[in-house]
Protein backbone atom coordinates (compact mmCIF):
# COMPACT_ATOMS: atom_id res chain seq x y z
CA ARG A 1 54.28 -116.55 79.36
CA SER A 2 57.61 -116.84 77.55
CA LYS A 3 57.91 -116.37 73.79
CA VAL A 4 60.50 -117.79 71.44
CA THR A 5 61.48 -115.09 68.96
CA THR A 6 62.60 -116.13 65.50
CA ARG A 7 63.54 -114.08 62.46
CA LYS A 8 61.16 -114.01 59.56
CA GLY A 9 62.07 -116.40 56.77
CA ALA A 10 64.56 -118.34 58.92
CA GLU A 11 63.81 -122.01 59.47
CA VAL A 12 63.99 -123.37 62.96
CA ALA A 13 66.67 -126.05 63.00
CA LYS A 14 65.65 -129.02 65.10
CA LYS A 15 68.58 -130.86 66.56
CA GLU A 16 67.71 -134.54 66.71
CA PRO A 17 70.08 -137.03 68.29
CA PRO A 18 71.36 -139.76 65.94
CA ARG A 19 68.75 -142.51 65.93
CA ARG A 20 70.10 -145.84 67.16
CA LYS A 21 69.05 -148.83 65.09
CA SER A 22 66.81 -151.22 66.90
CA GLU A 23 67.70 -154.92 67.13
CA PHE A 24 64.91 -155.73 64.70
CA ASP A 25 66.23 -153.24 62.11
CA GLU A 26 69.74 -154.66 62.49
CA MET A 27 68.43 -158.20 62.07
CA VAL A 28 66.47 -157.20 58.92
CA GLU A 29 69.55 -155.47 57.49
CA ASP A 30 71.74 -158.52 58.18
CA CYS A 31 69.18 -160.79 56.52
CA LEU A 32 68.93 -158.58 53.44
CA SER A 33 72.69 -158.13 53.06
CA SER A 34 73.61 -161.76 53.78
CA THR A 35 74.89 -164.00 51.03
CA ALA A 36 73.49 -167.42 50.18
CA PRO A 37 75.21 -170.13 52.26
CA VAL A 38 75.42 -172.65 49.40
CA ARG A 39 75.31 -171.60 45.76
CA SER A 40 73.15 -173.69 43.49
CA LEU A 41 74.99 -174.11 40.18
CA LYS A 42 73.94 -175.92 37.03
CA PRO A 43 76.41 -178.48 35.58
CA LYS A 44 77.40 -176.06 32.81
CA GLU A 45 78.10 -173.29 35.36
CA LYS A 46 80.08 -175.72 37.52
CA ALA A 47 82.26 -176.67 34.56
CA ARG A 48 82.85 -173.00 33.71
CA GLU A 49 83.72 -172.25 37.38
CA ALA A 50 86.23 -175.13 37.42
CA GLU A 51 87.78 -173.88 34.15
CA ARG A 52 88.11 -170.36 35.58
CA GLU A 53 89.77 -171.74 38.75
CA ARG A 54 92.32 -173.60 36.62
CA MET A 55 93.14 -170.31 34.90
CA GLY A 56 93.52 -168.61 38.29
CA LEU A 57 90.31 -166.56 38.10
CA ILE A 58 88.06 -166.93 41.14
CA SER A 59 84.70 -165.17 41.30
CA LYS A 60 83.75 -163.07 44.33
CA ALA A 61 80.96 -165.47 45.33
CA LYS A 62 83.30 -168.49 45.16
CA ASP A 63 85.95 -166.62 47.17
CA GLU A 64 83.40 -165.83 49.93
CA GLU A 65 82.22 -169.45 49.92
CA MET A 66 85.80 -170.69 50.35
CA LYS A 67 86.41 -168.22 53.21
CA LYS A 68 83.27 -169.43 54.99
CA MET A 69 84.30 -173.08 54.57
CA ASN A 70 87.80 -172.37 55.96
CA LYS A 71 86.31 -170.49 58.91
CA MET A 72 83.97 -173.40 59.67
CA LYS A 73 86.89 -175.87 59.46
CA LYS A 74 88.90 -173.78 61.96
CA GLU A 75 85.94 -173.59 64.36
CA PHE A 76 85.40 -177.36 64.23
CA ALA A 77 89.14 -178.07 64.59
CA ASN A 78 89.33 -176.35 68.01
CA PRO A 79 87.97 -178.32 70.98
CA TRP A 80 84.58 -177.01 72.05
CA PRO A 81 84.32 -175.61 75.60
CA ILE A 82 82.64 -177.95 78.09
CA GLY A 83 80.94 -175.57 80.53
CA PRO A 84 80.86 -171.78 81.03
CA PRO A 85 83.78 -169.68 79.68
CA GLY A 86 86.64 -169.46 82.17
CA LEU A 87 85.29 -172.41 84.16
CA ASP A 88 85.09 -174.96 81.32
CA LEU A 89 86.49 -178.39 82.10
CA ILE A 90 89.31 -178.22 79.52
CA SER A 91 90.83 -174.91 80.75
CA LEU A 92 90.49 -176.03 84.38
CA GLY A 93 92.46 -179.16 83.54
CA LEU A 94 89.77 -181.65 84.58
CA VAL A 95 89.42 -183.08 81.05
CA ASP A 96 92.36 -184.04 78.82
CA VAL A 97 91.96 -182.82 75.21
CA GLU A 98 93.89 -185.83 73.80
CA LYS A 99 91.48 -188.28 75.48
CA LEU A 100 88.37 -186.69 73.90
CA PRO A 101 86.98 -189.04 71.22
CA LYS A 102 87.09 -187.80 67.63
CA TYR A 103 84.22 -188.83 65.39
CA GLU A 104 84.24 -189.12 61.62
CA LEU A 105 80.55 -189.33 60.68
CA THR A 106 78.95 -189.84 57.30
CA VAL A 107 75.58 -188.31 56.39
CA GLU A 108 73.83 -191.68 56.90
CA ASP A 109 75.43 -192.12 60.35
CA GLY A 110 74.34 -188.60 61.31
CA ARG A 111 70.74 -189.26 60.26
CA ARG A 112 70.68 -192.60 62.10
CA LEU A 113 72.09 -191.03 65.28
CA ALA A 114 69.62 -188.12 65.05
CA LYS A 115 66.70 -190.58 64.82
CA GLU A 116 68.02 -192.59 67.76
CA ASN A 117 68.51 -189.40 69.81
CA SER A 118 64.96 -188.30 68.97
CA ARG A 119 63.62 -191.69 70.15
CA VAL A 120 65.54 -191.48 73.45
CA LEU A 121 64.39 -187.88 74.10
CA MET A 122 60.76 -188.81 73.33
CA ARG A 123 60.96 -191.80 75.68
CA LYS A 124 62.34 -189.57 78.47
CA HIS A 125 59.63 -186.97 77.80
CA ARG A 126 56.87 -189.60 78.05
CA GLN A 127 58.35 -190.99 81.29
CA ARG A 128 58.51 -187.46 82.77
CA GLN A 129 54.92 -186.77 81.74
CA ALA A 130 53.75 -190.05 83.28
CA ALA A 131 55.66 -189.31 86.52
CA GLU A 132 54.15 -185.80 86.76
CA THR A 133 50.62 -187.14 86.13
CA THR A 134 51.12 -189.78 88.83
CA LEU A 135 52.43 -187.18 91.32
CA LEU A 136 49.44 -184.88 90.70
CA ARG A 137 47.00 -187.80 91.08
CA LEU A 138 48.66 -188.89 94.34
CA LYS A 139 48.59 -185.29 95.62
CA LYS A 140 44.85 -185.02 94.92
CA GLU A 141 44.21 -188.36 96.62
CA ALA A 142 46.27 -187.28 99.67
CA ILE A 143 44.32 -184.00 99.95
CA GLU A 144 41.00 -185.86 99.67
CA ALA A 145 42.07 -188.23 102.48
CA LEU A 146 42.69 -185.33 104.90
CA PRO A 147 40.04 -184.24 107.43
CA GLU A 148 37.94 -181.15 106.58
CA ASN A 149 39.86 -178.68 108.79
CA LEU A 150 43.25 -179.66 107.24
CA LYS A 151 41.91 -179.93 103.67
CA ALA A 152 41.21 -176.17 103.45
CA ALA A 153 44.79 -175.37 104.60
CA ALA A 154 46.27 -177.91 102.15
CA LEU A 155 44.50 -176.31 99.16
CA VAL A 156 46.22 -172.93 99.82
CA PRO A 157 49.49 -172.83 97.75
CA ASP A 158 52.73 -172.12 99.62
CA MET A 159 54.37 -169.13 97.84
CA THR A 160 57.40 -168.71 100.13
CA PRO A 161 60.62 -168.42 98.04
CA PHE A 162 63.21 -171.18 98.05
CA PRO A 163 65.99 -170.52 100.62
CA VAL A 164 69.02 -168.84 99.03
CA ASN A 165 71.58 -170.65 101.18
CA ARG A 166 70.48 -174.12 99.95
CA PHE A 167 71.19 -175.98 96.72
CA MET A 168 68.31 -176.30 94.29
CA ALA A 169 66.42 -179.58 94.24
CA THR A 170 67.73 -182.03 91.62
CA LEU A 171 66.39 -185.27 90.17
CA THR A 172 69.74 -187.05 90.62
CA PRO A 173 71.87 -187.21 93.80
CA PRO A 174 74.92 -184.89 93.89
CA ILE A 175 78.36 -186.35 93.11
CA GLU A 176 80.46 -186.38 96.28
CA GLY A 177 83.51 -184.10 96.13
CA TYR A 178 82.70 -182.75 92.64
CA LEU A 179 82.10 -179.15 93.75
CA GLU A 180 85.32 -179.10 95.83
CA LYS A 181 87.24 -180.44 92.82
CA VAL A 182 85.88 -177.69 90.52
CA MET A 183 86.54 -174.94 93.10
CA GLU A 184 90.10 -176.17 93.64
CA ALA A 185 90.78 -176.21 89.89
CA ALA A 186 89.29 -172.69 89.57
CA LYS A 187 91.61 -171.43 92.34
CA LYS A 188 94.64 -172.98 90.59
CA SER A 189 93.74 -171.41 87.23
CA SER A 190 93.17 -167.98 88.85
CA ALA A 191 96.53 -168.25 90.61
CA LYS A 192 98.21 -169.00 87.25
CA GLU A 193 96.54 -165.93 85.69
CA LYS A 194 97.78 -163.73 88.56
CA LEU A 195 101.35 -164.96 87.99
CA ARG A 196 101.11 -163.99 84.31
């Protein structure tokens, strides 16, 4: 049996590694230290803020608000990527940035479009549900129509994995020549990067 000898009166120093913050702790800290996105000001406070701005005095909260607004404007000014980074349609040259439509929406237009989008999505969801219910009913009817010796085999689920060398099943037919077009554009963009 081994013994650890220590001097009398001396404290044993425990060396602990620096504790890494968990994702939850980081999230809580970000939430607690975050500033309000929109400040709620009374009319009197708004007038005082405007007067201070005229004099050239900007409060810290107003300065942060202005920085956030400028950052958001810059983000919305750049064209959003269509697809995964590096293979998005704009950088591959398949979509022209000038031909992308630019929308100027009011709040009422946004609400109207959101309602219309919700209706369309709900309609699609109901159609999908109805199709799935019909497929399950037809499957049950087909199993019931089988003879007894085949019915037992049909009730056992097939758990074999989908073949890796095949494309996944899709609800819509594939577009002819689309994959070749994307691969060709990817090769061209990689060749340009190599030249740089």
